[in-house]
């Protein structure tokens, strides 16, 4: 039978005793601190910085859409204009397909960058970021889709949804409220 040496002080005795550690539920923290917590100060992005970021993104997408339009029109530049019905049908179909491709690229641009990084190229240039209210992380693809493809349709009504951030205490536009996101300064 093995004997352990006697502790010389009460502190030494306590350090040798194995007591399971119990953390009170109030001290457990699963998610990062919410925006109102003093542990993390949130600086909301201004209307101006959000507008300028959208302008930069718009310029990028106009260039991409211009290239798509030129590429889709190239075959018709080299063909002589024909009044035949088939020529007009083909031209209409190509135009429709290129419009669908442009729409998917535009939506994909916002959903991908906001969902994965919280920043489009315009937001990155202006040092602002979209984050989830709950996790303080990029919102993910489903919330980004809701924010960018569904929410912005509602926000566009008389531009009221965009202007809403001017008097909202968390500077949220309607599409932010719908997706439970905020836009912060970095």
Protein backbone atom coordinates (compact mmCIF):
# COMPACT_ATOMS: atom_id res chain seq x y z
CA UNK A 1 0.00 0.00 0.00
CA UNK A 2 1.42 3.35 -1.07
CA UNK A 3 1.27 6.31 1.29
CA UNK A 4 1.22 9.93 0.23
CA UNK A 5 3.22 12.42 2.25
CA UNK A 6 1.25 14.65 4.59
CA UNK A 7 0.70 18.22 3.48
CA UNK A 8 2.42 20.85 5.54
CA UNK A 9 -0.25 23.56 5.12
CA UNK A 10 -3.97 23.80 4.35
CA UNK A 11 -3.19 25.31 0.89
CA UNK A 12 -0.95 22.35 0.06
CA UNK A 13 -3.70 19.98 1.18
CA UNK A 14 -6.22 21.72 -1.08
CA UNK A 15 -3.88 21.62 -4.07
CA UNK A 16 -3.45 17.86 -3.64
CA UNK A 17 -7.17 17.25 -3.36
CA UNK A 18 -8.93 16.65 -6.64
CA UNK A 19 -12.18 18.59 -6.73
CA UNK A 20 -14.21 18.64 -9.92
CA UNK A 21 -14.52 22.17 -11.25
CA UNK A 22 -18.04 23.44 -11.68
CA UNK A 23 -18.65 26.61 -13.65
CA UNK A 24 -21.84 28.45 -12.74
CA UNK A 25 -24.20 28.73 -15.73
CA UNK A 26 -23.93 32.55 -15.65
CA UNK A 27 -20.21 32.30 -16.46
CA UNK A 28 -20.57 29.91 -19.39
CA UNK A 29 -20.36 31.75 -22.67
CA UNK A 30 -21.21 29.89 -25.86
CA UNK A 31 -21.57 32.82 -28.28
CA UNK A 32 -19.43 35.94 -28.44
CA UNK A 33 -20.68 38.92 -26.49
CA UNK A 34 -23.79 40.60 -27.94
CA UNK A 35 -23.40 44.10 -29.41
CA UNK A 36 -24.75 45.76 -26.25
CA UNK A 37 -22.14 44.08 -24.07
CA UNK A 38 -19.37 46.29 -22.67
CA UNK A 39 -16.85 43.60 -23.67
CA UNK A 40 -17.25 44.44 -27.36
CA UNK A 41 -17.85 47.91 -28.79
CA UNK A 42 -19.70 47.96 -32.10
CA UNK A 43 -19.27 50.89 -34.46
CA UNK A 44 -22.08 50.82 -37.03
CA UNK A 45 -21.27 51.73 -40.62
CA UNK A 46 -22.61 55.07 -41.79
CA UNK A 47 -25.09 55.61 -44.59
CA UNK A 48 -22.33 57.30 -46.60
CA UNK A 49 -19.87 54.39 -46.32
CA UNK A 50 -22.58 51.86 -47.17
CA UNK A 51 -23.67 53.95 -50.18
CA UNK A 52 -20.09 54.31 -51.45
CA UNK A 53 -19.48 50.57 -51.03
CA UNK A 54 -22.63 49.88 -53.08
CA UNK A 55 -21.42 52.32 -55.71
CA UNK A 56 -18.06 50.49 -56.00
CA UNK A 57 -19.85 47.13 -56.24
CA UNK A 58 -22.18 48.59 -58.86
CA UNK A 59 -19.25 49.75 -61.00
CA UNK A 60 -17.64 46.31 -60.76
CA UNK A 61 -20.87 44.61 -61.81
CA UNK A 62 -21.51 47.08 -64.65
CA UNK A 63 -18.12 46.16 -66.12
CA UNK A 64 -18.88 42.43 -65.78
CA UNK A 65 -22.34 42.88 -67.32
CA UNK A 66 -20.87 44.93 -70.16
CA UNK A 67 -18.47 42.09 -70.98
CA UNK A 68 -21.33 39.56 -70.91
CA UNK A 69 -23.38 41.76 -73.25
CA UNK A 70 -20.50 42.21 -75.71
CA UNK A 71 -19.73 38.48 -75.73
CA UNK A 72 -23.38 37.60 -76.31
CA UNK A 73 -23.66 40.09 -79.21
CA UNK A 74 -20.43 39.02 -80.97
CA UNK A 75 -22.02 36.29 -83.12
CA UNK A 76 -24.58 38.77 -84.43
CA UNK A 77 -21.96 41.35 -85.36
CA UNK A 78 -20.41 38.98 -87.87
CA UNK A 79 -23.68 37.74 -89.30
CA UNK A 80 -25.51 39.94 -91.69
CA UNK A 81 -28.75 41.20 -90.27
CA UNK A 82 -31.48 39.08 -91.56
CA UNK A 83 -35.17 39.69 -91.47
CA UNK A 84 -35.81 36.00 -91.15
CA UNK A 85 -37.90 34.87 -88.21
CA UNK A 86 -35.25 32.36 -87.06
CA UNK A 87 -32.59 35.07 -86.80
CA UNK A 88 -34.84 37.22 -84.58
CA UNK A 89 -35.77 34.24 -82.39
CA UNK A 90 -32.13 33.25 -81.92
CA UNK A 91 -31.16 36.84 -81.14
CA UNK A 92 -33.95 37.09 -78.55
CA UNK A 93 -32.96 33.77 -76.94
CA UNK A 94 -29.30 34.77 -76.72
CA UNK A 95 -30.29 38.10 -75.19
CA UNK A 96 -32.54 36.37 -72.63
CA UNK A 97 -29.86 33.81 -71.70
CA UNK A 98 -27.22 36.53 -71.29
CA UNK A 99 -29.62 38.50 -69.05
CA UNK A 100 -30.21 35.43 -66.88
CA UNK A 101 -26.45 34.81 -66.65
CA UNK A 102 -25.87 38.45 -65.66
CA UNK A 103 -28.61 38.26 -63.01
CA UNK A 104 -27.11 35.05 -61.55
CA UNK A 105 -23.62 36.60 -61.50
CA UNK A 106 -24.92 39.75 -59.79
CA UNK A 107 -26.81 37.78 -57.14
CA UNK A 108 -23.99 35.28 -56.74
CA UNK A 109 -21.46 38.08 -56.23
CA UNK A 110 -23.35 39.47 -53.24
CA UNK A 111 -24.43 36.13 -51.74
CA UNK A 112 -20.93 34.62 -52.01
CA UNK A 113 -18.97 37.57 -50.62
CA UNK A 114 -21.47 38.54 -47.88
CA UNK A 115 -22.13 34.91 -46.93
CA UNK A 116 -18.51 33.79 -46.71
CA UNK A 117 -16.56 36.91 -45.76
CA UNK A 118 -19.18 39.49 -44.76
CA UNK A 119 -17.64 41.88 -47.29
CA UNK A 120 -18.01 42.56 -50.98
CA UNK A 121 -15.10 44.26 -52.71
CA UNK A 122 -16.78 47.63 -52.15
CA UNK A 123 -17.31 46.97 -48.44
CA UNK A 124 -13.71 45.78 -48.11
CA UNK A 125 -12.44 49.00 -49.74
CA UNK A 126 -14.45 51.07 -47.26
CA UNK A 127 -13.56 48.85 -44.28
CA UNK A 128 -17.10 47.84 -43.38
CA UNK A 129 -18.50 44.35 -42.84
CA UNK A 130 -21.86 42.57 -42.60
CA UNK A 131 -22.15 40.31 -39.56
CA UNK A 132 -24.88 38.27 -37.93
CA UNK A 133 -26.39 39.91 -34.86
CA UNK A 134 -26.20 36.63 -32.92
CA UNK A 135 -22.74 35.31 -33.78
CA UNK A 136 -20.79 38.41 -34.89
CA UNK A 137 -19.52 36.30 -37.81
CA UNK A 138 -20.29 36.55 -41.53
CA UNK A 139 -23.96 35.62 -41.90
CA UNK A 140 -23.54 32.49 -44.05
CA UNK A 141 -25.06 31.80 -47.45
CA UNK A 142 -28.70 31.34 -46.44
CA UNK A 143 -28.87 34.63 -44.52
CA UNK A 144 -26.88 36.34 -47.27
CA UNK A 145 -29.44 35.09 -49.83
CA UNK A 146 -32.31 36.37 -47.68
CA UNK A 147 -30.55 39.71 -47.20
CA UNK A 148 -29.42 40.27 -50.78
CA UNK A 149 -32.09 38.63 -52.94
CA UNK A 150 -35.26 38.86 -50.85
CA UNK A 151 -34.65 41.72 -48.42
CA UNK A 152 -33.36 44.21 -50.95
CA UNK A 153 -36.58 43.87 -52.95
CA UNK A 154 -38.47 45.09 -49.88
CA UNK A 155 -35.88 47.77 -49.13
CA UNK A 156 -36.24 49.14 -52.66
CA UNK A 157 -39.90 50.10 -52.12
CA UNK A 158 -39.71 53.91 -52.41
CA UNK A 159 -36.12 53.47 -51.12
CA UNK A 160 -37.70 53.59 -47.66
CA UNK A 161 -36.03 50.34 -46.59
CA UNK A 162 -32.59 51.77 -47.37
CA UNK A 163 -33.31 55.12 -45.71
CA UNK A 164 -34.62 53.34 -42.61
CA UNK A 165 -31.04 53.03 -41.32
CA UNK A 166 -30.87 56.83 -40.92
CA UNK A 167 -33.12 56.71 -37.83
CA UNK A 168 -32.63 53.11 -36.68
CA UNK A 169 -30.51 52.84 -33.52
CA UNK A 170 -28.50 49.88 -34.93
CA UNK A 171 -28.32 51.48 -38.42
CA UNK A 172 -30.23 48.54 -39.93
CA UNK A 173 -31.99 48.78 -43.28
CA UNK A 174 -34.98 46.52 -43.86
CA UNK A 175 -32.88 43.84 -45.54
CA UNK A 176 -30.59 43.81 -42.46
CA UNK A 177 -33.57 43.39 -40.14
CA UNK A 178 -34.97 40.56 -42.28
CA UNK A 179 -31.67 38.64 -42.25
CA UNK A 180 -30.77 39.63 -38.64
CA UNK A 181 -27.53 41.30 -39.69
CA UNK A 182 -25.75 44.55 -38.95
CA UNK A 183 -23.09 46.43 -40.89
CA UNK A 184 -20.09 47.50 -38.81
CA UNK A 185 -16.96 49.58 -39.23
CA UNK A 186 -13.70 47.65 -39.01
